[in-house]
């Protein structure tokens, strides 16, 4: 059975629109505990290609983890 994504609320759509407008016109800095949130996903040493704590490598080896953190920020 396929899951159906929730329908975004009007407030959510407005926030997404405002973020897209900002991203199209200037540099946007989002500050948060990115590393902490990545580590909370329990990546393995294999995920780090034996470069323990090198969060940047997760962009290549575990994009699903990186995506989930960004989705949490957007939510």
PDB file of N, CA and C in Angstrom:
ATOM      1  N   UNK A   1       0.846  -1.175   0.000  1.00  0.00           N
ATOM      2  CA  UNK A   1       0.000   0.000   0.000  1.00  0.00           C
ATOM      3  C   UNK A   1       0.889   1.234   0.000  1.00  0.00           C
ATOM      4  N   UNK A   2       0.729   2.105  -0.950  1.00  0.00           N
ATOM      5  CA  UNK A   2       1.526   3.330  -1.051  1.00  0.00           C
ATOM      6  C   UNK A   2       0.983   4.373  -0.085  1.00  0.00           C
ATOM      7  N   UNK A   3       1.914   5.083   0.547  1.00  0.00           N
ATOM      8  CA  UNK A   3       1.472   6.139   1.449  1.00  0.00           C
ATOM      9  C   UNK A   3       1.297   7.429   0.653  1.00  0.00           C
ATOM     10  N   UNK A   4       0.343   8.209   1.079  1.00  0.00           N
ATOM     11  CA  UNK A   4       0.047   9.477   0.424  1.00  0.00           C
ATOM     12  C   UNK A   4       0.637  10.579   1.283  1.00  0.00           C
ATOM     13  N   UNK A   5       1.487  11.451   0.687  1.00  0.00           N
ATOM     14  CA  UNK A   5       2.054  12.527   1.507  1.00  0.00           C
ATOM     15  C   UNK A   5       0.960  13.479   1.961  1.00  0.00           C
ATOM     16  N   UNK A   6       1.147  14.074   3.136  1.00  0.00           N
ATOM     17  CA  UNK A   6       0.134  15.002   3.629  1.00  0.00           C
ATOM     18  C   UNK A   6       0.050  16.230   2.737  1.00  0.00           C
ATOM     19  N   UNK A   7      -1.128  16.805   2.663  1.00  0.00           N
ATOM     20  CA  UNK A   7      -1.335  18.027   1.901  1.00  0.00           C
ATOM     21  C   UNK A   7      -0.796  19.193   2.716  1.00  0.00           C
ATOM     22  N   UNK A   8       0.106  19.997   2.131  1.00  0.00           N
ATOM     23  CA  UNK A   8       0.657  21.121   2.888  1.00  0.00           C
ATOM     24  C   UNK A   8      -0.430  22.132   3.255  1.00  0.00           C
ATOM     25  N   UNK A   9      -0.300  22.709   4.434  1.00  0.00           N
ATOM     26  CA  UNK A   9      -1.246  23.737   4.864  1.00  0.00           C
ATOM     27  C   UNK A   9      -0.928  25.046   4.151  1.00  0.00           C
ATOM     28  N   UNK A  10      -1.852  25.980   4.215  1.00  0.00           N
ATOM     29  CA  UNK A  10      -1.639  27.297   3.611  1.00  0.00           C
ATOM     30  C   UNK A  10      -0.426  27.975   4.241  1.00  0.00           C
ATOM     31  N   UNK A  11      -0.264  27.821   5.552  1.00  0.00           N
ATOM     32  CA  UNK A  11       0.873  28.420   6.248  1.00  0.00           C
ATOM     33  C   UNK A  11       2.175  27.797   5.750  1.00  0.00           C
ATOM     34  N   UNK A  12       2.179  26.498   5.590  1.00  0.00           N
ATOM     35  CA  UNK A  12       3.363  25.797   5.107  1.00  0.00           C
ATOM     36  C   UNK A  12       3.713  26.251   3.697  1.00  0.00           C
ATOM     37  N   UNK A  13       2.716  26.361   2.840  1.00  0.00           N
ATOM     38  CA  UNK A  13       2.958  26.813   1.463  1.00  0.00           C
ATOM     39  C   UNK A  13       3.502  28.241   1.453  1.00  0.00           C
ATOM     40  N   UNK A  14       2.996  29.086   2.343  1.00  0.00           N
ATOM     41  CA  UNK A  14       3.468  30.472   2.418  1.00  0.00           C
ATOM     42  C   UNK A  14       4.933  30.511   2.860  1.00  0.00           C
ATOM     43  N   UNK A  15       5.292  29.672   3.834  1.00  0.00           N
ATOM     44  CA  UNK A  15       6.677  29.636   4.298  1.00  0.00           C
ATOM     45  C   UNK A  15       7.614  29.129   3.209  1.00  0.00           C
ATOM     46  N   UNK A  16       7.187  28.113   2.481  1.00  0.00           N
ATOM     47  CA  UNK A  16       7.997  27.580   1.380  1.00  0.00           C
ATOM     48  C   UNK A  16       8.180  28.638   0.300  1.00  0.00           C
ATOM     49  N   UNK A  17       7.115  29.330  -0.024  1.00  0.00           N
ATOM     50  CA  UNK A  17       7.190  30.389  -1.027  1.00  0.00           C
ATOM     51  C   UNK A  17       8.140  31.497  -0.589  1.00  0.00           C
ATOM     52  N   UNK A  18       8.053  31.896   0.662  1.00  0.00           N
ATOM     53  CA  UNK A  18       8.933  32.948   1.180  1.00  0.00           C
ATOM     54  C   UNK A  18      10.392  32.498   1.153  1.00  0.00           C
ATOM     55  N   UNK A  19      10.644  31.240   1.491  1.00  0.00           N
ATOM     56  CA  UNK A  19      12.006  30.713   1.463  1.00  0.00           C
ATOM     57  C   UNK A  19      12.538  30.681   0.031  1.00  0.00           C
ATOM     58  N   UNK A  20      11.728  30.231  -0.896  1.00  0.00           N
ATOM     59  CA  UNK A  20      12.164  30.189  -2.304  1.00  0.00           C
ATOM     60  C   UNK A  20      12.449  31.593  -2.823  1.00  0.00           C
ATOM     61  N   UNK A  21      11.619  32.561  -2.465  1.00  0.00           N
ATOM     62  CA  UNK A  21      11.863  33.947  -2.874  1.00  0.00           C
ATOM     63  C   UNK A  21      13.200  34.437  -2.320  1.00  0.00           C
ATOM     64  N   UNK A  22      13.444  34.141  -1.058  1.00  0.00           N
ATOM     65  CA  UNK A  22      14.697  34.565  -0.429  1.00  0.00           C
ATOM     66  C   UNK A  22      15.893  33.885  -1.098  1.00  0.00           C
ATOM     67  N   UNK A  23      15.783  32.597  -1.368  1.00  0.00           N
ATOM     68  CA  UNK A  23      16.890  31.859  -1.983  1.00  0.00           C
ATOM     69  C   UNK A  23      17.196  32.358  -3.399  1.00  0.00           C
ATOM     70  N   UNK A  24      16.195  32.875  -4.082  1.00  0.00           N
ATOM     71  CA  UNK A  24      16.406  33.339  -5.451  1.00  0.00           C
ATOM     72  C   UNK A  24      17.049  34.720  -5.504  1.00  0.00           C
ATOM     73  N   UNK A  25      17.071  35.428  -4.375  1.00  0.00           N
ATOM     74  CA  UNK A  25      17.550  36.809  -4.421  1.00  0.00           C
ATOM     75  C   UNK A  25      18.755  37.099  -3.527  1.00  0.00           C
ATOM     76  N   UNK A  26      19.116  36.167  -2.645  1.00  0.00           N
ATOM     77  CA  UNK A  26      20.241  36.446  -1.745  1.00  0.00           C
ATOM     78  C   UNK A  26      20.767  35.142  -1.136  1.00  0.00           C
ATOM     79  N   UNK A  27      21.881  35.269  -0.447  1.00  0.00           N
ATOM     80  CA  UNK A  27      22.439  34.141   0.277  1.00  0.00           C
ATOM     81  C   UNK A  27      21.636  33.987   1.565  1.00  0.00           C
ATOM     82  N   UNK A  28      21.205  32.764   1.829  1.00  0.00           N
ATOM     83  CA  UNK A  28      20.428  32.490   3.029  1.00  0.00           C
ATOM     84  C   UNK A  28      21.247  31.564   3.923  1.00  0.00           C
ATOM     85  N   UNK A  29      21.397  31.947   5.173  1.00  0.00           N
ATOM     86  CA  UNK A  29      22.142  31.148   6.131  1.00  0.00           C
ATOM     87  C   UNK A  29      21.151  30.576   7.137  1.00  0.00           C
ATOM     88  N   UNK A  30      21.150  29.255   7.241  1.00  0.00           N
ATOM     89  CA  UNK A  30      20.309  28.596   8.240  1.00  0.00           C
ATOM     90  C   UNK A  30      21.246  28.013   9.290  1.00  0.00           C
ATOM     91  N   UNK A  31      21.104  28.469  10.502  1.00  0.00           N
ATOM     92  CA  UNK A  31      21.980  28.030  11.575  1.00  0.00           C
ATOM     93  C   UNK A  31      21.265  26.987  12.415  1.00  0.00           C
ATOM     94  N   UNK A  32      21.960  25.925  12.696  1.00  0.00           N
ATOM     95  CA  UNK A  32      21.370  24.888  13.522  1.00  0.00           C
ATOM     96  C   UNK A  32      22.398  23.829  13.842  1.00  0.00           C
ATOM     97  N   UNK A  33      21.969  22.841  14.525  1.00  0.00           N
ATOM     98  CA  UNK A  33      22.854  21.766  14.972  1.00  0.00           C
ATOM     99  C   UNK A  33      22.914  20.653  13.929  1.00  0.00           C
ATOM    100  N   UNK A  34      23.397  20.987  12.732  1.00  0.00           N
ATOM    101  CA  UNK A  34      23.437  20.024  11.629  1.00  0.00           C
ATOM    102  C   UNK A  34      24.218  18.770  12.021  1.00  0.00           C
ATOM    103  N   UNK A  35      25.412  18.955  12.540  1.00  0.00           N
ATOM    104  CA  UNK A  35      26.237  17.803  12.915  1.00  0.00           C
ATOM    105  C   UNK A  35      25.566  16.927  13.957  1.00  0.00           C
ATOM    106  N   UNK A  36      24.956  17.563  14.942  1.00  0.00           N
ATOM    107  CA  UNK A  36      24.257  16.816  15.990  1.00  0.00           C
ATOM    108  C   UNK A  36      23.105  16.020  15.401  1.00  0.00           C
ATOM    109  N   UNK A  37      22.375  16.646  14.480  1.00  0.00           N
ATOM    110  CA  UNK A  37      21.237  15.947  13.870  1.00  0.00           C
ATOM    111  C   UNK A  37      21.707  14.798  12.974  1.00  0.00           C
ATOM    112  N   UNK A  38      22.832  14.988  12.279  1.00  0.00           N
ATOM    113  CA  UNK A  38      23.379  13.902  11.464  1.00  0.00           C
ATOM    114  C   UNK A  38      23.812  12.741  12.354  1.00  0.00           C
ATOM    115  N   UNK A  39      24.517  13.049  13.432  1.00  0.00           N
ATOM    116  CA  UNK A  39      24.995  12.006  14.343  1.00  0.00           C
ATOM    117  C   UNK A  39      23.837  11.271  15.013  1.00  0.00           C
ATOM    118  N   UNK A  40      22.724  11.954  15.221  1.00  0.00           N
ATOM    119  CA  UNK A  40      21.558  11.325  15.840  1.00  0.00           C
ATOM    120  C   UNK A  40      20.968  10.228  14.952  1.00  0.00           C
ATOM    121  N   UNK A  41      21.319  10.248  13.664  1.00  0.00           N
ATOM    122  CA  UNK A  41      20.836   9.217  12.738  1.00  0.00           C
ATOM    123  C   UNK A  41      21.673   7.941  12.830  1.00  0.00           C
ATOM    124  N   UNK A  42      22.669   7.918  13.709  1.00  0.00           N
ATOM    125  CA  UNK A  42      23.545   6.760  13.955  1.00  0.00           C
ATOM    126  C   UNK A  42      24.248   6.239  12.704  1.00  0.00           C
ATOM    127  N   UNK A  43      24.949   7.113  11.965  1.00  0.00           N
ATOM    128  CA  UNK A  43      25.701   6.615  10.815  1.00  0.00           C
ATOM    129  C   UNK A  43      26.819   5.681  11.281  1.00  0.00           C
ATOM    130  N   UNK A  44      27.137   4.705  10.471  1.00  0.00           N
ATOM    131  CA  UNK A  44      28.177   3.731  10.810  1.00  0.00           C
ATOM    132  C   UNK A  44      29.527   4.220  10.322  1.00  0.00           C
ATOM    133  N   UNK A  45      30.584   3.574  10.793  1.00  0.00           N
ATOM    134  CA  UNK A  45      31.928   3.891  10.323  1.00  0.00           C
ATOM    135  C   UNK A  45      32.023   3.644   8.818  1.00  0.00           C
ATOM    136  N   UNK A  46      31.299   2.646   8.341  1.00  0.00           N
ATOM    137  CA  UNK A  46      31.250   2.380   6.903  1.00  0.00           C
ATOM    138  C   UNK A  46      30.598   3.543   6.159  1.00  0.00           C
ATOM    139  N   UNK A  47      29.557   4.133   6.749  1.00  0.00           N
ATOM    140  CA  UNK A  47      28.918   5.302   6.134  1.00  0.00           C
ATOM    141  C   UNK A  47      29.915   6.449   5.972  1.00  0.00           C
ATOM    142  N   UNK A  48      30.852   6.541   6.916  1.00  0.00           N
ATOM    143  CA  UNK A  48      31.870   7.591   6.878  1.00  0.00           C
ATOM    144  C   UNK A  48      33.083   7.188   6.042  1.00  0.00           C
ATOM    145  N   UNK A  49      33.025   6.031   5.397  1.00  0.00           N
ATOM    146  CA  UNK A  49      34.160   5.485   4.639  1.00  0.00           C
ATOM    147  C   UNK A  49      35.416   5.499   5.491  1.00  0.00           C
ATOM    148  N   UNK A  50      35.254   5.059   6.748  1.00  0.00           N
ATOM    149  CA  UNK A  50      36.326   4.979   7.741  1.00  0.00           C
ATOM    150  C   UNK A  50      36.929   6.332   8.089  1.00  0.00           C
ATOM    151  N   UNK A  51      36.245   7.413   7.795  1.00  0.00           N
ATOM    152  CA  UNK A  51      36.672   8.754   8.180  1.00  0.00           C
ATOM    153  C   UNK A  51      35.709   9.239   9.268  1.00  0.00           C
ATOM    154  N   UNK A  52      35.795   8.593  10.406  1.00  0.00           N
ATOM    155  CA  UNK A  52      34.827   8.835  11.477  1.00  0.00           C
ATOM    156  C   UNK A  52      34.641  10.317  11.770  1.00  0.00           C
ATOM    157  N   UNK A  53      33.389  10.730  11.795  1.00  0.00           N
ATOM    158  CA  UNK A  53      33.033  12.095  12.110  1.00  0.00           C
ATOM    159  C   UNK A  53      33.096  13.051  10.934  1.00  0.00           C
ATOM    160  N   UNK A  54      33.455  12.555   9.751  1.00  0.00           N
ATOM    161  CA  UNK A  54      33.515  13.416   8.555  1.00  0.00           C
ATOM    162  C   UNK A  54      32.102  13.513   7.975  1.00  0.00           C
ATOM    163  N   UNK A  55      31.316  14.411   8.544  1.00  0.00           N
ATOM    164  CA  UNK A  55      29.912  14.524   8.147  1.00  0.00           C
ATOM    165  C   UNK A  55      29.743  14.829   6.661  1.00  0.00           C
ATOM    166  N   UNK A  56      30.696  15.525   6.069  1.00  0.00           N
ATOM    167  CA  UNK A  56      30.587  15.894   4.652  1.00  0.00           C
ATOM    168  C   UNK A  56      30.481  14.672   3.742  1.00  0.00           C
ATOM    169  N   UNK A  57      31.145  13.575   4.098  1.00  0.00           N
ATOM    170  CA  UNK A  57      31.131  12.369   3.257  1.00  0.00           C
ATOM    171  C   UNK A  57      29.737  11.761   3.188  1.00  0.00           C
ATOM    172  N   UNK A  58      28.904  12.071   4.180  1.00  0.00           N
ATOM    173  CA  UNK A  58      27.540  11.534   4.186  1.00  0.00           C
ATOM    174  C   UNK A  58      26.718  12.048   3.009  1.00  0.00           C
ATOM    175  N   UNK A  59      27.120  13.186   2.436  1.00  0.00           N
ATOM    176  CA  UNK A  59      26.436  13.670   1.227  1.00  0.00           C
ATOM    177  C   UNK A  59      26.530  12.648   0.105  1.00  0.00           C
ATOM    178  N   UNK A  60      27.624  11.902   0.058  1.00  0.00           N
ATOM    179  CA  UNK A  60      27.830  10.895  -0.982  1.00  0.00           C
ATOM    180  C   UNK A  60      27.368   9.504  -0.556  1.00  0.00           C
ATOM    181  N   UNK A  61      27.670   9.151   0.684  1.00  0.00           N
ATOM    182  CA  UNK A  61      27.397   7.782   1.116  1.00  0.00           C
ATOM    183  C   UNK A  61      26.002   7.576   1.675  1.00  0.00           C
ATOM    184  N   UNK A  62      25.437   8.598   2.306  1.00  0.00           N
ATOM    185  CA  UNK A  62      24.108   8.483   2.923  1.00  0.00           C
ATOM    186  C   UNK A  62      23.282   9.739   2.686  1.00  0.00           C
ATOM    187  N   UNK A  63      23.003  10.044   1.414  1.00  0.00           N
ATOM    188  CA  UNK A  63      22.207  11.245   1.147  1.00  0.00           C
ATOM    189  C   UNK A  63      20.832  11.200   1.811  1.00  0.00           C
ATOM    190  N   UNK A  64      20.343  10.002   2.107  1.00  0.00           N
ATOM    191  CA  UNK A  64      19.059   9.882   2.788  1.00  0.00           C
ATOM    192  C   UNK A  64      19.103  10.510   4.180  1.00  0.00           C
ATOM    193  N   UNK A  65      20.226  10.347   4.867  1.00  0.00           N
ATOM    194  CA  UNK A  65      20.382  10.942   6.197  1.00  0.00           C
ATOM    195  C   UNK A  65      20.424  12.459   6.080  1.00  0.00           C
ATOM    196  N   UNK A  66      21.226  12.954   5.153  1.00  0.00           N
ATOM    197  CA  UNK A  66      21.351  14.403   4.970  1.00  0.00           C
ATOM    198  C   UNK A  66      20.000  14.990   4.580  1.00  0.00           C
ATOM    199  N   UNK A  67      19.298  14.317   3.688  1.00  0.00           N
ATOM    200  CA  UNK A  67      17.977  14.786   3.254  1.00  0.00           C
ATOM    201  C   UNK A  67      17.006  14.847   4.439  1.00  0.00           C
ATOM    202  N   UNK A  68      17.042  13.832   5.288  1.00  0.00           N
ATOM    203  CA  UNK A  68      16.106  13.806   6.418  1.00  0.00           C
ATOM    204  C   UNK A  68      16.350  14.966   7.381  1.00  0.00           C
ATOM    205  N   UNK A  69      17.613  15.353   7.544  1.00  0.00           N
ATOM    206  CA  UNK A  69      17.921  16.493   8.410  1.00  0.00           C
ATOM    207  C   UNK A  69      17.386  17.781   7.789  1.00  0.00           C
ATOM    208  N   UNK A  70      17.602  17.957   6.490  1.00  0.00           N
ATOM    209  CA  UNK A  70      17.074  19.154   5.822  1.00  0.00           C
ATOM    210  C   UNK A  70      15.553  19.180   5.873  1.00  0.00           C
ATOM    211  N   UNK A  71      14.927  18.048   5.692  1.00  0.00           N
ATOM    212  CA  UNK A  71      13.469  17.992   5.775  1.00  0.00           C
ATOM    213  C   UNK A  71      12.980  18.378   7.161  1.00  0.00           C
ATOM    214  N   UNK A  72      13.733  17.967   8.182  1.00  0.00           N
ATOM    215  CA  UNK A  72      13.355  18.330   9.556  1.00  0.00           C
ATOM    216  C   UNK A  72      13.462  19.850   9.766  1.00  0.00           C
ATOM    217  N   UNK A  73      14.504  20.474   9.204  1.00  0.00           N
ATOM    218  CA  UNK A  73      14.620  21.925   9.303  1.00  0.00           C
ATOM    219  C   UNK A  73      13.465  22.619   8.589  1.00  0.00           C
ATOM    220  N   UNK A  74      13.137  22.143   7.374  1.00  0.00           N
ATOM    221  CA  UNK A  74      12.046  22.769   6.641  1.00  0.00           C
ATOM    222  C   UNK A  74      10.721  22.605   7.364  1.00  0.00           C
ATOM    223  N   UNK A  75      10.529  21.465   8.028  1.00  0.00           N
ATOM    224  CA  UNK A  75       9.281  21.227   8.760  1.00  0.00           C
ATOM    225  C   UNK A  75       9.201  22.188   9.944  1.00  0.00           C
TER     226      UNK A  75
END
